């Protein structure tokens, strides 16, 4: 098992926000710096596996500090939040599997 960073879901309000984007600001050091978009364009792609059996590739948006892929209709964090049944009291977990390879899953209390 690799290193894991955790983001608690404290309220229904936060859950609504996570459906829009998972803010990575407090854990940016967990990701390669070249995966963050710059003035020159998109960052290097990260492979994000999920506990739901699908994955997606994304970089981290400059300024917003969230995964760029956040759609609710296509594979991304918005779809994962809804399909995982994430709720207040759960924890969003991101495990580092390799330099540009991560796993997104939830932990329920």
N, C-alpha and C. Protein backbone atom coordinates (compact mmCIF):
# COMPACT_ATOMS: atom_id res chain seq x y z
N UNK A 1 0.84 -1.18 0.00
CA UNK A 1 0.00 0.00 0.00
C UNK A 1 0.88 1.24 0.00
N UNK A 2 0.50 2.22 -0.81
CA UNK A 2 1.27 3.44 -0.91
C UNK A 2 0.84 4.48 0.11
N UNK A 3 1.45 5.64 0.04
CA UNK A 3 1.12 6.77 0.89
C UNK A 3 -0.30 7.23 0.58
N UNK A 4 -1.07 7.59 1.60
CA UNK A 4 -2.46 8.01 1.41
C UNK A 4 -2.68 9.37 2.04
N UNK A 5 -3.36 10.24 1.31
CA UNK A 5 -3.81 11.53 1.85
C UNK A 5 -5.32 11.47 1.98
N UNK A 6 -5.84 12.10 3.03
CA UNK A 6 -7.27 12.02 3.33
C UNK A 6 -7.89 13.40 3.42
N UNK A 7 -9.11 13.49 2.89
CA UNK A 7 -9.88 14.74 2.91
C UNK A 7 -11.24 14.40 3.53
N UNK A 8 -11.50 14.86 4.76
CA UNK A 8 -12.78 14.53 5.39
C UNK A 8 -13.95 15.30 4.78
N UNK A 9 -15.10 14.65 4.73
CA UNK A 9 -16.35 15.29 4.28
C UNK A 9 -17.13 15.62 5.55
N UNK A 10 -17.13 16.88 5.92
CA UNK A 10 -17.66 17.29 7.22
C UNK A 10 -19.15 17.62 7.21
N UNK A 11 -19.69 18.02 6.06
CA UNK A 11 -21.08 18.48 6.04
C UNK A 11 -21.71 18.25 4.67
N UNK A 12 -23.03 18.39 4.60
CA UNK A 12 -23.75 18.30 3.33
C UNK A 12 -23.31 19.41 2.40
N UNK A 13 -23.02 20.58 2.96
CA UNK A 13 -22.53 21.71 2.18
C UNK A 13 -21.20 21.37 1.49
N UNK A 14 -20.29 20.75 2.24
CA UNK A 14 -19.01 20.34 1.66
C UNK A 14 -19.21 19.28 0.58
N UNK A 15 -20.15 18.37 0.82
CA UNK A 15 -20.43 17.33 -0.17
C UNK A 15 -20.86 17.97 -1.49
N UNK A 16 -21.71 18.98 -1.42
CA UNK A 16 -22.14 19.68 -2.63
C UNK A 16 -20.93 20.28 -3.35
N UNK A 17 -20.01 20.86 -2.59
CA UNK A 17 -18.81 21.46 -3.16
C UNK A 17 -17.94 20.38 -3.82
N UNK A 18 -17.79 19.21 -3.16
CA UNK A 18 -16.98 18.13 -3.72
C UNK A 18 -17.56 17.58 -5.02
N UNK A 19 -18.88 17.69 -5.20
CA UNK A 19 -19.48 17.30 -6.47
C UNK A 19 -18.97 18.19 -7.60
N UNK A 20 -18.61 19.42 -7.28
CA UNK A 20 -18.11 20.38 -8.27
C UNK A 20 -16.60 20.21 -8.48
N UNK A 21 -15.86 20.00 -7.38
CA UNK A 21 -14.41 19.80 -7.47
C UNK A 21 -13.87 19.34 -6.13
N UNK A 22 -12.82 18.55 -6.18
CA UNK A 22 -12.12 18.14 -4.96
C UNK A 22 -10.89 19.03 -4.85
N UNK A 23 -10.90 19.91 -3.87
CA UNK A 23 -9.81 20.87 -3.71
C UNK A 23 -8.57 20.14 -3.18
N UNK A 24 -7.46 20.30 -3.88
CA UNK A 24 -6.21 19.61 -3.54
C UNK A 24 -5.17 20.55 -2.93
N UNK A 25 -5.55 21.78 -2.66
CA UNK A 25 -4.59 22.79 -2.22
C UNK A 25 -3.75 22.32 -1.03
N UNK A 26 -4.40 21.73 -0.03
CA UNK A 26 -3.69 21.31 1.19
C UNK A 26 -2.82 20.08 1.00
N UNK A 27 -2.96 19.40 -0.14
CA UNK A 27 -2.15 18.20 -0.39
C UNK A 27 -1.39 18.28 -1.71
N UNK A 28 -1.17 19.49 -2.21
CA UNK A 28 -0.47 19.66 -3.50
C UNK A 28 0.91 19.02 -3.51
N UNK A 29 1.59 19.01 -2.36
CA UNK A 29 2.93 18.43 -2.30
C UNK A 29 2.92 16.91 -2.54
N UNK A 30 1.75 16.31 -2.54
CA UNK A 30 1.57 14.88 -2.77
C UNK A 30 1.69 14.52 -4.26
N UNK A 31 1.58 15.52 -5.11
CA UNK A 31 1.58 15.33 -6.56
C UNK A 31 2.83 15.93 -7.20
N UNK A 32 3.28 15.38 -8.33
CA UNK A 32 4.44 15.97 -9.01
C UNK A 32 4.12 17.40 -9.45
N UNK A 33 5.07 18.29 -9.29
CA UNK A 33 4.83 19.70 -9.62
C UNK A 33 4.50 19.90 -11.10
N UNK A 34 5.01 19.04 -11.97
CA UNK A 34 4.72 19.22 -13.40
C UNK A 34 3.33 18.70 -13.79
N UNK A 35 2.56 18.16 -12.83
CA UNK A 35 1.18 17.75 -13.08
C UNK A 35 0.22 18.93 -12.89
N UNK A 36 0.75 20.06 -12.40
CA UNK A 36 -0.06 21.27 -12.20
C UNK A 36 0.09 22.14 -13.45
N UNK A 37 -1.05 22.53 -14.02
CA UNK A 37 -1.03 23.37 -15.23
C UNK A 37 -0.25 24.66 -14.97
N UNK A 38 0.32 25.20 -16.03
CA UNK A 38 1.07 26.45 -15.93
C UNK A 38 0.61 27.40 -17.03
N UNK A 39 1.26 28.54 -17.13
CA UNK A 39 0.93 29.49 -18.19
C UNK A 39 1.17 28.88 -19.57
N UNK A 40 2.06 27.88 -19.63
CA UNK A 40 2.39 27.25 -20.90
C UNK A 40 1.36 26.20 -21.32
N UNK A 41 0.45 25.83 -20.43
CA UNK A 41 -0.59 24.86 -20.80
C UNK A 41 -0.85 23.85 -19.71
N UNK A 42 -1.49 22.76 -20.10
CA UNK A 42 -1.86 21.72 -19.15
C UNK A 42 -0.64 21.05 -18.55
N UNK A 43 -0.84 20.49 -17.37
CA UNK A 43 0.22 19.76 -16.70
C UNK A 43 0.31 18.33 -17.21
N UNK A 44 1.33 17.62 -16.77
CA UNK A 44 1.50 16.22 -17.13
C UNK A 44 0.34 15.41 -16.55
N UNK A 45 -0.16 14.47 -17.32
CA UNK A 45 -1.35 13.70 -16.92
C UNK A 45 -1.06 12.75 -15.77
N UNK A 46 -2.03 12.66 -14.87
CA UNK A 46 -2.03 11.69 -13.78
C UNK A 46 -3.07 10.63 -14.13
N UNK A 47 -2.78 9.38 -13.83
CA UNK A 47 -3.76 8.31 -13.98
C UNK A 47 -4.42 8.13 -12.61
N UNK A 48 -5.74 8.29 -12.58
CA UNK A 48 -6.48 8.15 -11.33
C UNK A 48 -7.39 6.93 -11.46
N UNK A 49 -7.09 5.88 -10.71
CA UNK A 49 -7.98 4.72 -10.62
C UNK A 49 -8.99 5.00 -9.54
N UNK A 50 -10.18 4.42 -9.66
CA UNK A 50 -11.19 4.59 -8.61
C UNK A 50 -11.58 3.23 -8.03
N UNK A 51 -12.21 3.29 -6.88
CA UNK A 51 -12.72 2.08 -6.25
C UNK A 51 -14.01 1.60 -6.92
N UNK A 52 -14.43 2.27 -7.98
CA UNK A 52 -15.64 1.89 -8.70
C UNK A 52 -15.33 1.10 -9.96
N UNK A 53 -14.04 0.82 -10.19
CA UNK A 53 -13.66 -0.01 -11.33
C UNK A 53 -13.36 0.74 -12.61
N UNK A 54 -13.37 2.05 -12.58
CA UNK A 54 -13.00 2.83 -13.75
C UNK A 54 -11.92 3.85 -13.36
N UNK A 55 -11.28 4.42 -14.36
CA UNK A 55 -10.18 5.36 -14.12
C UNK A 55 -10.31 6.54 -15.08
N UNK A 56 -9.51 7.55 -14.84
CA UNK A 56 -9.47 8.71 -15.73
C UNK A 56 -8.09 9.33 -15.66
N UNK A 57 -7.74 10.07 -16.72
CA UNK A 57 -6.49 10.81 -16.76
C UNK A 57 -6.80 12.29 -16.62
N UNK A 58 -5.99 12.98 -15.86
CA UNK A 58 -6.23 14.40 -15.61
C UNK A 58 -4.95 15.07 -15.15
N UNK A 59 -4.93 16.38 -15.25
CA UNK A 59 -3.89 17.16 -14.60
C UNK A 59 -4.56 17.94 -13.47
N UNK A 60 -3.84 18.85 -12.86
CA UNK A 60 -4.38 19.69 -11.79
C UNK A 60 -4.49 21.11 -12.32
N UNK A 61 -5.68 21.68 -12.21
CA UNK A 61 -5.91 23.03 -12.74
C UNK A 61 -5.15 24.08 -11.94
N UNK A 62 -4.44 24.93 -12.65
CA UNK A 62 -3.72 26.04 -12.01
C UNK A 62 -4.75 27.02 -11.45
N UNK A 63 -4.51 27.49 -10.24
CA UNK A 63 -5.40 28.47 -9.63
C UNK A 63 -6.57 27.86 -8.88
N UNK A 64 -7.15 26.79 -9.42
CA UNK A 64 -8.26 26.12 -8.74
C UNK A 64 -7.76 24.97 -7.86
N UNK A 65 -6.60 24.44 -8.19
CA UNK A 65 -5.97 23.36 -7.44
C UNK A 65 -6.91 22.18 -7.23
N UNK A 66 -7.51 21.73 -8.34
CA UNK A 66 -8.36 20.55 -8.33
C UNK A 66 -8.07 19.74 -9.59
N UNK A 67 -8.47 18.46 -9.59
CA UNK A 67 -8.32 17.67 -10.81
C UNK A 67 -9.17 18.32 -11.90
N UNK A 68 -8.61 18.46 -13.10
CA UNK A 68 -9.32 19.08 -14.21
C UNK A 68 -10.56 18.29 -14.60
N UNK A 69 -10.47 16.96 -14.60
CA UNK A 69 -11.60 16.12 -14.97
C UNK A 69 -12.55 16.03 -13.78
N UNK A 70 -13.66 16.76 -13.85
CA UNK A 70 -14.58 16.79 -12.72
C UNK A 70 -16.05 16.69 -13.15
N UNK A 71 -16.27 16.20 -14.36
CA UNK A 71 -17.62 16.07 -14.90
C UNK A 71 -18.45 15.08 -14.10
N UNK A 72 -19.75 15.31 -14.08
CA UNK A 72 -20.67 14.35 -13.47
C UNK A 72 -21.15 13.32 -14.49
N UNK A 73 -20.99 13.61 -15.78
CA UNK A 73 -21.48 12.70 -16.82
C UNK A 73 -20.38 11.84 -17.44
N UNK A 74 -19.12 12.23 -17.26
CA UNK A 74 -18.00 11.45 -17.78
C UNK A 74 -17.10 11.09 -16.61
N UNK A 75 -16.19 10.14 -16.81
CA UNK A 75 -15.30 9.72 -15.74
C UNK A 75 -14.47 10.90 -15.23
N UNK A 76 -14.65 11.22 -13.97
CA UNK A 76 -13.96 12.31 -13.31
C UNK A 76 -14.42 12.37 -11.87
N UNK A 77 -13.99 13.38 -11.14
CA UNK A 77 -14.30 13.43 -9.71
C UNK A 77 -15.78 13.66 -9.41
N UNK A 78 -16.47 14.45 -10.22
CA UNK A 78 -17.91 14.68 -9.98
C UNK A 78 -18.70 13.40 -10.08
N UNK A 79 -18.42 12.62 -11.11
CA UNK A 79 -19.09 11.32 -11.30
C UNK A 79 -18.74 10.38 -10.15
N UNK A 80 -17.48 10.39 -9.71
CA UNK A 80 -17.06 9.51 -8.62
C UNK A 80 -17.79 9.87 -7.32
N UNK A 81 -17.89 11.16 -7.00
CA UNK A 81 -18.57 11.59 -5.77
C UNK A 81 -20.01 11.08 -5.75
N UNK A 82 -20.71 11.22 -6.87
CA UNK A 82 -22.10 10.78 -6.93
C UNK A 82 -22.21 9.26 -6.89
N UNK A 83 -21.45 8.56 -7.72
CA UNK A 83 -21.57 7.10 -7.82
C UNK A 83 -21.04 6.37 -6.59
N UNK A 84 -20.12 6.98 -5.85
CA UNK A 84 -19.55 6.32 -4.68
C UNK A 84 -20.49 6.39 -3.47
N UNK A 85 -21.51 7.24 -3.56
CA UNK A 85 -22.41 7.41 -2.43
C UNK A 85 -21.77 8.18 -1.29
N UNK A 86 -20.80 9.01 -1.61
CA UNK A 86 -20.10 9.81 -0.60
C UNK A 86 -21.10 10.62 0.22
N UNK A 87 -20.88 10.67 1.54
CA UNK A 87 -21.78 11.40 2.42
C UNK A 87 -20.98 12.03 3.56
N UNK A 88 -21.59 13.00 4.26
CA UNK A 88 -20.90 13.59 5.40
C UNK A 88 -20.49 12.49 6.40
N UNK A 89 -19.28 12.62 6.91
CA UNK A 89 -18.72 11.61 7.80
C UNK A 89 -17.75 10.69 7.09
N UNK A 90 -17.85 10.60 5.75
CA UNK A 90 -16.91 9.80 4.96
C UNK A 90 -15.62 10.58 4.77
N UNK A 91 -14.62 9.88 4.28
CA UNK A 91 -13.33 10.50 3.98
C UNK A 91 -12.94 10.17 2.55
N UNK A 92 -12.55 11.19 1.79
CA UNK A 92 -11.99 11.00 0.45
C UNK A 92 -10.54 10.61 0.63
N UNK A 93 -10.13 9.50 0.05
CA UNK A 93 -8.76 9.01 0.19
C UNK A 93 -8.10 8.99 -1.19
N UNK A 94 -6.88 9.44 -1.25
CA UNK A 94 -6.09 9.40 -2.49
C UNK A 94 -4.78 8.70 -2.15
N UNK A 95 -4.58 7.54 -2.77
CA UNK A 95 -3.39 6.73 -2.52
C UNK A 95 -2.42 6.87 -3.68
N UNK A 96 -1.17 7.07 -3.37
CA UNK A 96 -0.13 7.17 -4.40
C UNK A 96 0.35 5.76 -4.74
N UNK A 97 0.16 5.36 -6.00
CA UNK A 97 0.58 4.04 -6.47
C UNK A 97 1.89 4.10 -7.25
N UNK A 98 2.19 5.26 -7.81
CA UNK A 98 3.40 5.48 -8.60
C UNK A 98 3.59 6.97 -8.80
N UNK A 99 4.62 7.37 -9.54
CA UNK A 99 4.90 8.79 -9.72
C UNK A 99 3.72 9.59 -10.26
N UNK A 100 2.98 9.04 -11.23
CA UNK A 100 1.85 9.73 -11.83
C UNK A 100 0.60 8.84 -11.79
N UNK A 101 0.53 7.97 -10.80
CA UNK A 101 -0.51 6.96 -10.70
C UNK A 101 -1.10 6.98 -9.28
N UNK A 102 -2.42 7.18 -9.19
CA UNK A 102 -3.09 7.32 -7.90
C UNK A 102 -4.38 6.52 -7.88
N UNK A 103 -4.87 6.27 -6.69
CA UNK A 103 -6.17 5.61 -6.54
C UNK A 103 -7.06 6.49 -5.67
N UNK A 104 -8.29 6.72 -6.14
CA UNK A 104 -9.28 7.52 -5.44
C UNK A 104 -10.31 6.57 -4.85
N UNK A 105 -10.50 6.63 -3.53
CA UNK A 105 -11.49 5.78 -2.88
C UNK A 105 -12.02 6.47 -1.64
N UNK A 106 -13.08 5.91 -1.08
CA UNK A 106 -13.64 6.53 0.12
C UNK A 106 -13.50 5.59 1.30
N UNK A 107 -13.47 6.19 2.47
CA UNK A 107 -13.48 5.46 3.72
C UNK A 107 -14.70 5.94 4.49
N UNK A 108 -15.52 5.01 4.95
CA UNK A 108 -16.73 5.37 5.69
C UNK A 108 -16.52 5.11 7.17
N UNK A 109 -17.07 6.01 7.98
CA UNK A 109 -16.94 5.83 9.42
C UNK A 109 -18.11 5.06 10.00
